[in-house]
N, C-alpha and C. Protein backbone atom coordinates (compact mmCIF):
# COMPACT_ATOMS: atom_id res chain seq x y z
N MET A 1 49.20 144.77 106.79
CA MET A 1 50.51 144.44 106.27
C MET A 1 50.42 144.38 104.74
N PHE A 2 51.45 144.88 104.09
CA PHE A 2 51.46 144.84 102.64
C PHE A 2 51.46 143.40 102.15
N ARG A 3 50.84 143.18 101.00
CA ARG A 3 50.69 141.84 100.44
C ARG A 3 52.04 141.14 100.29
N TRP A 4 53.07 141.84 99.79
CA TRP A 4 54.35 141.17 99.55
C TRP A 4 55.06 140.88 100.87
N LYS A 5 54.81 141.63 101.93
CA LYS A 5 55.38 141.28 103.22
C LYS A 5 54.77 139.98 103.72
N GLN A 6 53.47 139.85 103.56
CA GLN A 6 52.80 138.62 103.95
C GLN A 6 53.30 137.46 103.10
N SER A 7 53.47 137.70 101.80
CA SER A 7 53.99 136.68 100.89
C SER A 7 55.40 136.27 101.31
N PHE A 8 56.22 137.23 101.69
CA PHE A 8 57.58 136.94 102.17
C PHE A 8 57.52 136.02 103.38
N LEU A 9 56.69 136.35 104.36
CA LEU A 9 56.59 135.53 105.57
C LEU A 9 56.08 134.13 105.25
N GLU A 10 55.04 134.04 104.46
CA GLU A 10 54.46 132.73 104.15
C GLU A 10 55.44 131.85 103.37
N THR A 11 56.22 132.45 102.49
CA THR A 11 57.16 131.70 101.67
C THR A 11 58.44 131.35 102.41
N GLU A 12 59.01 132.32 103.12
CA GLU A 12 60.35 132.14 103.68
C GLU A 12 60.37 131.69 105.13
N ILE A 13 59.29 131.87 105.85
CA ILE A 13 59.25 131.43 107.25
C ILE A 13 58.28 130.26 107.33
N SER A 14 58.49 129.30 106.46
CA SER A 14 57.60 128.14 106.36
C SER A 14 58.19 126.89 107.00
N ASP A 15 59.41 127.00 107.52
CA ASP A 15 60.11 125.85 108.08
C ASP A 15 61.09 126.37 109.13
N GLN A 16 61.31 125.63 110.18
CA GLN A 16 62.22 126.04 111.25
C GLN A 16 63.62 126.33 110.71
N ASP A 17 64.12 125.49 109.81
CA ASP A 17 65.46 125.69 109.24
C ASP A 17 65.55 126.97 108.42
N TYR A 18 64.52 127.25 107.61
CA TYR A 18 64.52 128.49 106.82
C TYR A 18 64.54 129.70 107.75
N TYR A 19 63.70 129.63 108.77
CA TYR A 19 63.61 130.70 109.76
C TYR A 19 64.98 130.96 110.40
N GLU A 20 65.62 129.88 110.85
CA GLU A 20 66.91 130.03 111.54
C GLU A 20 68.00 130.59 110.63
N GLY A 21 68.00 130.22 109.36
CA GLY A 21 68.99 130.76 108.44
C GLY A 21 68.85 132.26 108.26
N ILE A 22 67.63 132.71 108.08
CA ILE A 22 67.38 134.15 107.91
C ILE A 22 67.73 134.90 109.19
N ILE A 23 67.32 134.37 110.33
CA ILE A 23 67.58 135.03 111.61
C ILE A 23 69.08 135.12 111.89
N ARG A 24 69.82 134.07 111.60
CA ARG A 24 71.29 134.11 111.79
C ARG A 24 71.91 135.22 110.95
N PHE A 25 71.47 135.33 109.69
CA PHE A 25 71.99 136.37 108.80
C PHE A 25 71.68 137.75 109.37
N ILE A 26 70.46 137.97 109.80
CA ILE A 26 70.05 139.28 110.32
C ILE A 26 70.86 139.63 111.57
N TYR A 27 71.01 138.69 112.49
CA TYR A 27 71.71 138.96 113.75
C TYR A 27 73.22 139.06 113.59
N SER A 28 73.79 138.46 112.58
CA SER A 28 75.25 138.39 112.46
C SER A 28 75.90 139.77 112.38
N GLY A 29 76.74 140.06 113.36
CA GLY A 29 77.51 141.30 113.34
C GLY A 29 78.72 141.19 112.45
N ASN A 30 79.08 139.96 112.06
CA ASN A 30 80.22 139.75 111.18
C ASN A 30 79.89 140.05 109.72
N ILE A 31 78.61 140.09 109.41
CA ILE A 31 78.18 140.43 108.06
C ILE A 31 77.61 141.84 108.12
N ARG A 32 78.39 142.82 107.66
CA ARG A 32 77.94 144.21 107.72
C ARG A 32 77.05 144.57 106.56
N CYS A 33 77.26 143.94 105.41
CA CYS A 33 76.38 144.13 104.27
C CYS A 33 76.48 142.87 103.41
N GLY A 34 75.42 142.59 102.71
CA GLY A 34 75.40 141.40 101.88
C GLY A 34 73.98 140.94 101.63
N GLU A 35 73.85 139.81 100.95
CA GLU A 35 72.54 139.28 100.59
C GLU A 35 72.36 137.86 101.10
N TYR A 36 71.15 137.58 101.51
CA TYR A 36 70.78 136.23 101.88
C TYR A 36 69.69 135.80 100.91
N GLU A 37 70.00 134.82 100.07
CA GLU A 37 69.04 134.35 99.08
C GLU A 37 68.15 133.28 99.69
N CYS A 38 66.90 133.61 99.79
CA CYS A 38 65.91 132.68 100.34
C CYS A 38 65.34 131.86 99.17
N ASN A 39 64.19 131.29 99.35
CA ASN A 39 63.56 130.50 98.29
C ASN A 39 63.09 131.37 97.13
N GLN A 40 62.40 132.44 97.44
CA GLN A 40 61.82 133.32 96.43
C GLN A 40 62.29 134.76 96.60
N PHE A 41 62.61 135.14 97.82
CA PHE A 41 62.99 136.51 98.14
C PHE A 41 64.48 136.60 98.45
N VAL A 42 64.98 137.82 98.43
CA VAL A 42 66.35 138.12 98.84
C VAL A 42 66.26 139.12 99.99
N VAL A 43 67.02 138.87 101.05
CA VAL A 43 67.13 139.81 102.15
C VAL A 43 68.49 140.47 102.01
N LYS A 44 68.50 141.75 101.75
CA LYS A 44 69.75 142.49 101.54
C LYS A 44 70.03 143.35 102.76
N LYS A 45 71.18 143.09 103.37
CA LYS A 45 71.61 143.88 104.52
C LYS A 45 72.38 145.08 103.97
N MET A 46 71.84 146.26 104.18
CA MET A 46 72.49 147.48 103.69
C MET A 46 73.64 147.86 104.63
N GLU A 47 73.41 147.69 105.90
CA GLU A 47 74.39 147.81 106.97
C GLU A 47 73.76 147.15 108.17
N LEU A 48 74.33 147.23 109.32
CA LEU A 48 73.87 146.42 110.45
C LEU A 48 72.42 146.65 110.87
N LEU A 49 71.85 147.81 110.58
CA LEU A 49 70.52 148.14 111.09
C LEU A 49 69.44 148.30 110.03
N ASN A 50 69.78 148.22 108.76
CA ASN A 50 68.79 148.47 107.71
C ASN A 50 68.85 147.40 106.62
N PHE A 51 67.66 146.99 106.19
CA PHE A 51 67.52 145.89 105.24
C PHE A 51 66.55 146.26 104.13
N ILE A 52 66.73 145.62 102.99
CA ILE A 52 65.77 145.67 101.89
C ILE A 52 65.41 144.23 101.57
N VAL A 53 64.12 143.97 101.45
CA VAL A 53 63.63 142.64 101.10
C VAL A 53 62.96 142.76 99.74
N TYR A 54 63.28 141.84 98.81
CA TYR A 54 62.70 141.95 97.48
C TYR A 54 62.65 140.58 96.80
N GLU A 55 61.80 140.52 95.77
CA GLU A 55 61.74 139.36 94.90
C GLU A 55 62.65 139.65 93.72
N GLU A 56 63.42 138.66 93.31
CA GLU A 56 64.35 138.83 92.20
C GLU A 56 64.03 137.81 91.12
N TYR A 57 63.95 138.29 89.90
CA TYR A 57 63.66 137.42 88.76
C TYR A 57 64.68 137.67 87.67
N GLU A 58 64.88 136.67 86.83
CA GLU A 58 65.67 136.85 85.63
C GLU A 58 64.72 136.77 84.45
N ILE A 59 64.62 137.88 83.74
CA ILE A 59 63.75 137.97 82.57
C ILE A 59 64.60 138.42 81.39
N ASN A 60 64.59 137.64 80.33
CA ASN A 60 65.42 137.92 79.15
C ASN A 60 66.89 138.09 79.54
N LYS A 61 67.35 137.22 80.45
CA LYS A 61 68.74 137.20 80.91
C LYS A 61 69.16 138.49 81.62
N LYS A 62 68.16 139.23 82.13
CA LYS A 62 68.44 140.44 82.90
C LYS A 62 67.77 140.31 84.26
N ARG A 63 68.45 140.77 85.27
CA ARG A 63 67.93 140.71 86.64
C ARG A 63 66.89 141.81 86.84
N GLU A 64 65.73 141.42 87.35
CA GLU A 64 64.68 142.37 87.66
C GLU A 64 64.28 142.20 89.12
N ILE A 65 64.07 143.31 89.78
CA ILE A 65 63.68 143.32 91.18
C ILE A 65 62.25 143.82 91.27
N HIS A 66 61.42 143.06 92.01
CA HIS A 66 60.02 143.42 92.18
C HIS A 66 59.68 143.44 93.66
N ASN A 67 58.64 144.18 93.99
CA ASN A 67 58.04 144.16 95.33
C ASN A 67 59.05 144.33 96.44
N SER A 68 59.85 145.37 96.39
CA SER A 68 60.85 145.59 97.43
C SER A 68 60.28 146.46 98.54
N PHE A 69 60.81 146.25 99.74
CA PHE A 69 60.48 147.14 100.85
C PHE A 69 61.71 147.25 101.75
N SER A 70 61.90 148.43 102.30
CA SER A 70 63.00 148.63 103.24
C SER A 70 62.44 148.55 104.65
N ILE A 71 63.29 148.07 105.57
CA ILE A 71 62.82 147.84 106.92
C ILE A 71 64.02 147.84 107.87
N SER A 72 63.80 148.32 109.08
CA SER A 72 64.88 148.31 110.08
C SER A 72 65.08 146.91 110.65
N LYS A 73 66.23 146.68 111.20
CA LYS A 73 66.56 145.38 111.78
C LYS A 73 65.54 144.97 112.85
N ASN A 74 65.26 145.88 113.79
CA ASN A 74 64.35 145.53 114.88
C ASN A 74 62.94 145.24 114.39
N LYS A 75 62.47 146.00 113.43
CA LYS A 75 61.13 145.77 112.90
C LYS A 75 61.08 144.44 112.13
N LEU A 76 62.11 144.17 111.34
CA LEU A 76 62.18 142.91 110.59
C LEU A 76 62.21 141.72 111.53
N LEU A 77 63.04 141.79 112.57
CA LEU A 77 63.10 140.72 113.55
C LEU A 77 61.76 140.53 114.25
N GLY A 78 61.11 141.63 114.59
CA GLY A 78 59.82 141.56 115.26
C GLY A 78 58.76 140.88 114.40
N ILE A 79 58.70 141.27 113.14
CA ILE A 79 57.72 140.69 112.22
C ILE A 79 57.99 139.21 112.00
N ILE A 80 59.26 138.86 111.76
CA ILE A 80 59.61 137.46 111.51
C ILE A 80 59.36 136.62 112.75
N ASN A 81 59.81 137.09 113.92
CA ASN A 81 59.64 136.31 115.14
C ASN A 81 58.17 136.16 115.52
N ASP A 82 57.38 137.20 115.31
CA ASP A 82 55.95 137.12 115.59
C ASP A 82 55.29 136.05 114.71
N TYR A 83 55.61 136.09 113.43
CA TYR A 83 55.05 135.11 112.49
C TYR A 83 55.53 133.70 112.83
N ALA A 84 56.83 133.56 113.11
CA ALA A 84 57.38 132.24 113.43
C ALA A 84 56.76 131.68 114.70
N GLY A 85 56.53 132.54 115.69
CA GLY A 85 55.90 132.09 116.93
C GLY A 85 54.51 131.56 116.70
N LYS A 86 53.76 132.23 115.81
CA LYS A 86 52.40 131.78 115.48
C LYS A 86 52.42 130.45 114.74
N GLN A 87 53.54 130.15 114.07
CA GLN A 87 53.67 128.88 113.36
C GLN A 87 54.15 127.77 114.29
N GLY A 88 54.48 128.12 115.53
CA GLY A 88 54.94 127.13 116.49
C GLY A 88 56.43 126.87 116.46
N PHE A 89 57.20 127.73 115.80
CA PHE A 89 58.65 127.56 115.71
C PHE A 89 59.31 127.97 117.03
N ILE A 90 60.50 127.44 117.25
CA ILE A 90 61.32 127.85 118.38
C ILE A 90 61.95 129.19 118.00
N ILE A 91 61.71 130.21 118.78
CA ILE A 91 62.23 131.55 118.48
C ILE A 91 63.68 131.64 118.95
N ARG A 92 64.54 132.12 118.07
CA ARG A 92 65.98 132.20 118.33
C ARG A 92 66.39 133.65 118.57
N ASP A 93 67.38 133.80 119.44
CA ASP A 93 67.99 135.10 119.71
C ASP A 93 69.50 134.89 119.66
N PHE A 94 70.03 134.95 118.45
CA PHE A 94 71.46 134.65 118.26
C PHE A 94 72.25 135.81 118.80
């Protein structure tokens, strides 16, 4: 797994509440596109089946995006749920 994907999981799937917020956003059919701002990363829904995950920083009052990766909904859910299960979280299927 790429280093920033592991960093994303370790940072954003560190608590049951954080996990559930991200999962609700991913599963929501009412949100066709938009952003979910996590602690350090942003999960951007491009449309119902495709996402971009990235770190966002403000440097010199300008937004900079680092370490982005695109991923399908099913793959993102699989990776998040697998990691959450290993952490002992209750896995949700909204």
